[in-house]
Amino acid sequence: MKKESHQSVENLLTNESFLSWYFGSSKCERAKWNNKIATNDADRYLTEEAASLLNNIIIKEQNIHESQLNKATQQLMQKLRPSGPAVNNPLPDKRK
């Protein structure tokens, strides 16, 4: 079996196997990468670098207050309306 070599962090960031390991979506990939990291210093270094980069760019979701959501919805709806006379919102509010 040919040993797979990842020459750069950029290659890892586009590698489905690595991303499965990082996001924990595959037990098989997790075992494969954990073994690779444990047995090869170069793979460990690149993996740590790529994981660190992903840790820094992953955006954590935040709760949005309902008033902020309502204001944003109103602004969007105003931008979507034609520039003619004001039109009542024909869509019912299903949040109630």
C-alpha atoms as a PDB file:
ATOM      1  CA  MET A   1       0.000   0.000   0.000  1.00  0.00           C
ATOM      2  CA  LYS A   2       1.361   3.412  -0.962  1.00  0.00           C
ATOM      3  CA  LYS A   3       1.790   5.827   1.922  1.00  0.00           C
ATOM      4  CA  GLU A   4      -0.264   8.966   1.435  1.00  0.00           C
ATOM      5  CA  SER A   5       1.775  12.129   1.930  1.00  0.00           C
ATOM      6  CA  HIS A   6       0.366  15.591   2.516  1.00  0.00           C
ATOM      7  CA  GLN A   7       2.960  18.169   1.577  1.00  0.00           C
ATOM      8  CA  SER A   8       1.194  21.266   2.900  1.00  0.00           C
ATOM      9  CA  VAL A   9      -1.444  22.606   5.244  1.00  0.00           C
ATOM     10  CA  GLU A  10      -3.403  23.747   2.181  1.00  0.00           C
ATOM     11  CA  ASN A  11      -3.563  20.147   0.931  1.00  0.00           C
ATOM     12  CA  LEU A  12      -4.912  18.997   4.276  1.00  0.00           C
ATOM     13  CA  LEU A  13      -7.587  21.693   4.343  1.00  0.00           C
ATOM     14  CA  THR A  14      -9.022  20.326   1.097  1.00  0.00           C
ATOM     15  CA  ASN A  15      -8.653  16.665   2.039  1.00  0.00           C
ATOM     16  CA  GLU A  16     -11.975  14.964   2.851  1.00  0.00           C
ATOM     17  CA  SER A  17     -10.282  12.385   5.059  1.00  0.00           C
ATOM     18  CA  PHE A  18      -8.601  15.068   7.173  1.00  0.00           C
ATOM     19  CA  LEU A  19     -11.812  17.098   7.431  1.00  0.00           C
ATOM     20  CA  SER A  20     -13.712  13.970   8.548  1.00  0.00           C
ATOM     21  CA  TRP A  21     -11.084  13.479  11.261  1.00  0.00           C
ATOM     22  CA  TYR A  22     -11.209  17.146  12.315  1.00  0.00           C
ATOM     23  CA  PHE A  23     -15.011  17.344  12.516  1.00  0.00           C
ATOM     24  CA  GLY A  24     -15.289  13.836  14.012  1.00  0.00           C
ATOM     25  CA  SER A  25     -17.698  12.612  11.360  1.00  0.00           C
ATOM     26  CA  SER A  26     -15.973   9.255  10.821  1.00  0.00           C
ATOM     27  CA  LYS A  27     -14.592   6.867  13.451  1.00  0.00           C
ATOM     28  CA  CYS A  28     -12.541   5.148  10.774  1.00  0.00           C
ATOM     29  CA  GLU A  29     -10.882   8.402   9.670  1.00  0.00           C
ATOM     30  CA  ARG A  30     -10.324   9.396  13.290  1.00  0.00           C
ATOM     31  CA  ALA A  31      -8.447   6.153  13.962  1.00  0.00           C
ATOM     32  CA  LYS A  32      -6.468   6.471  10.726  1.00  0.00           C
ATOM     33  CA  TRP A  33      -5.382  10.057  11.451  1.00  0.00           C
ATOM     34  CA  ASN A  34      -4.654   9.423  15.130  1.00  0.00           C
ATOM     35  CA  ASN A  35      -2.346   6.596  14.085  1.00  0.00           C
ATOM     36  CA  LYS A  36      -0.724   8.767  11.408  1.00  0.00           C
ATOM     37  CA  ILE A  37      -0.142  11.568  13.935  1.00  0.00           C
ATOM     38  CA  ALA A  38       1.309   9.162  16.484  1.00  0.00           C
ATOM     39  CA  THR A  39       3.770   7.554  14.086  1.00  0.00           C
ATOM     40  CA  ASN A  40       4.976  10.414  11.896  1.00  0.00           C
ATOM     41  CA  ASP A  41       6.320  13.745  13.172  1.00  0.00           C
ATOM     42  CA  ALA A  42       5.851  15.496   9.809  1.00  0.00           C
ATOM     43  CA  ASP A  43       2.194  14.398   9.606  1.00  0.00           C
ATOM     44  CA  ARG A  44       1.646  15.441  13.227  1.00  0.00           C
ATOM     45  CA  TYR A  45       3.101  18.902  12.585  1.00  0.00           C
ATOM     46  CA  LEU A  46       1.017  19.505   9.441  1.00  0.00           C
ATOM     47  CA  THR A  47      -2.119  18.156  11.105  1.00  0.00           C
ATOM     48  CA  GLU A  48      -1.650  20.395  14.137  1.00  0.00           C
ATOM     49  CA  GLU A  49      -1.085  23.414  11.888  1.00  0.00           C
ATOM     50  CA  ALA A  50      -4.181  22.711   9.790  1.00  0.00           C
ATOM     51  CA  ALA A  51      -6.328  22.019  12.871  1.00  0.00           C
ATOM     52  CA  SER A  52      -5.087  25.235  14.489  1.00  0.00           C
ATOM     53  CA  LEU A  53      -6.022  27.204  11.384  1.00  0.00           C
ATOM     54  CA  LEU A  54      -9.508  25.667  11.337  1.00  0.00           C
ATOM     55  CA  ASN A  55      -9.926  26.394  15.056  1.00  0.00           C
ATOM     56  CA  ASN A  56      -9.220  30.053  14.373  1.00  0.00           C
ATOM     57  CA  ILE A  57     -11.577  30.439  11.416  1.00  0.00           C
ATOM     58  CA  ILE A  58     -14.589  28.411  12.532  1.00  0.00           C
ATOM     59  CA  ILE A  59     -17.308  30.901  13.455  1.00  0.00           C
ATOM     60  CA  LYS A  60     -19.194  30.065  16.601  1.00  0.00           C
ATOM     61  CA  GLU A  61     -22.947  30.561  16.310  1.00  0.00           C
ATOM     62  CA  GLN A  62     -24.495  33.068  18.681  1.00  0.00           C
ATOM     63  CA  ASN A  63     -28.066  33.528  19.820  1.00  0.00           C
ATOM     64  CA  ILE A  64     -29.756  36.586  18.349  1.00  0.00           C
ATOM     65  CA  HIS A  65     -32.247  38.556  20.400  1.00  0.00           C
ATOM     66  CA  GLU A  66     -35.747  38.540  18.906  1.00  0.00           C
ATOM     67  CA  SER A  67     -35.865  42.335  18.591  1.00  0.00           C
ATOM     68  CA  GLN A  68     -32.640  42.298  16.555  1.00  0.00           C
ATOM     69  CA  LEU A  69     -34.078  39.576  14.320  1.00  0.00           C
ATOM     70  CA  ASN A  70     -37.309  41.551  13.816  1.00  0.00           C
ATOM     71  CA  LYS A  71     -35.394  44.718  12.935  1.00  0.00           C
ATOM     72  CA  ALA A  72     -33.219  42.855  10.405  1.00  0.00           C
ATOM     73  CA  THR A  73     -36.323  41.236   8.876  1.00  0.00           C
ATOM     74  CA  GLN A  74     -38.039  44.622   8.509  1.00  0.00           C
ATOM     75  CA  GLN A  75     -34.955  46.126   6.862  1.00  0.00           C
ATOM     76  CA  LEU A  76     -34.718  43.217   4.439  1.00  0.00           C
ATOM     77  CA  MET A  77     -38.397  43.398   3.564  1.00  0.00           C
ATOM     78  CA  GLN A  78     -38.094  47.154   2.880  1.00  0.00           C
ATOM     79  CA  LYS A  79     -35.237  46.502   0.490  1.00  0.00           C
ATOM     80  CA  LEU A  80     -37.207  43.774  -1.282  1.00  0.00           C
ATOM     81  CA  ARG A  81     -40.307  45.914  -1.813  1.00  0.00           C
ATOM     82  CA  PRO A  82     -40.668  47.789  -5.088  1.00  0.00           C
ATOM     83  CA  SER A  83     -39.985  51.515  -4.856  1.00  0.00           C
ATOM     84  CA  GLY A  84     -43.642  52.370  -5.552  1.00  0.00           C
ATOM     85  CA  PRO A  85     -46.364  52.949  -2.956  1.00  0.00           C
ATOM     86  CA  ALA A  86     -46.111  51.042   0.309  1.00  0.00           C
ATOM     87  CA  VAL A  87     -47.557  47.534   0.176  1.00  0.00           C
ATOM     88  CA  ASN A  88     -48.778  45.625   3.208  1.00  0.00           C
ATOM     89  CA  ASN A  89     -46.879  42.435   3.890  1.00  0.00           C
ATOM     90  CA  PRO A  90     -48.988  39.717   2.197  1.00  0.00           C
ATOM     91  CA  LEU A  91     -47.235  36.949   4.129  1.00  0.00           C
ATOM     92  CA  PRO A  92     -48.673  35.937   7.501  1.00  0.00           C
ATOM     93  CA  ASP A  93     -46.373  36.042  10.526  1.00  0.00           C
ATOM     94  CA  LYS A  94     -45.975  32.356  11.456  1.00  0.00           C
ATOM     95  CA  ARG A  95     -43.831  33.009  14.536  1.00  0.00           C
ATOM     96  CA  LYS A  96     -46.881  33.619  16.741  1.00  0.00           C
END
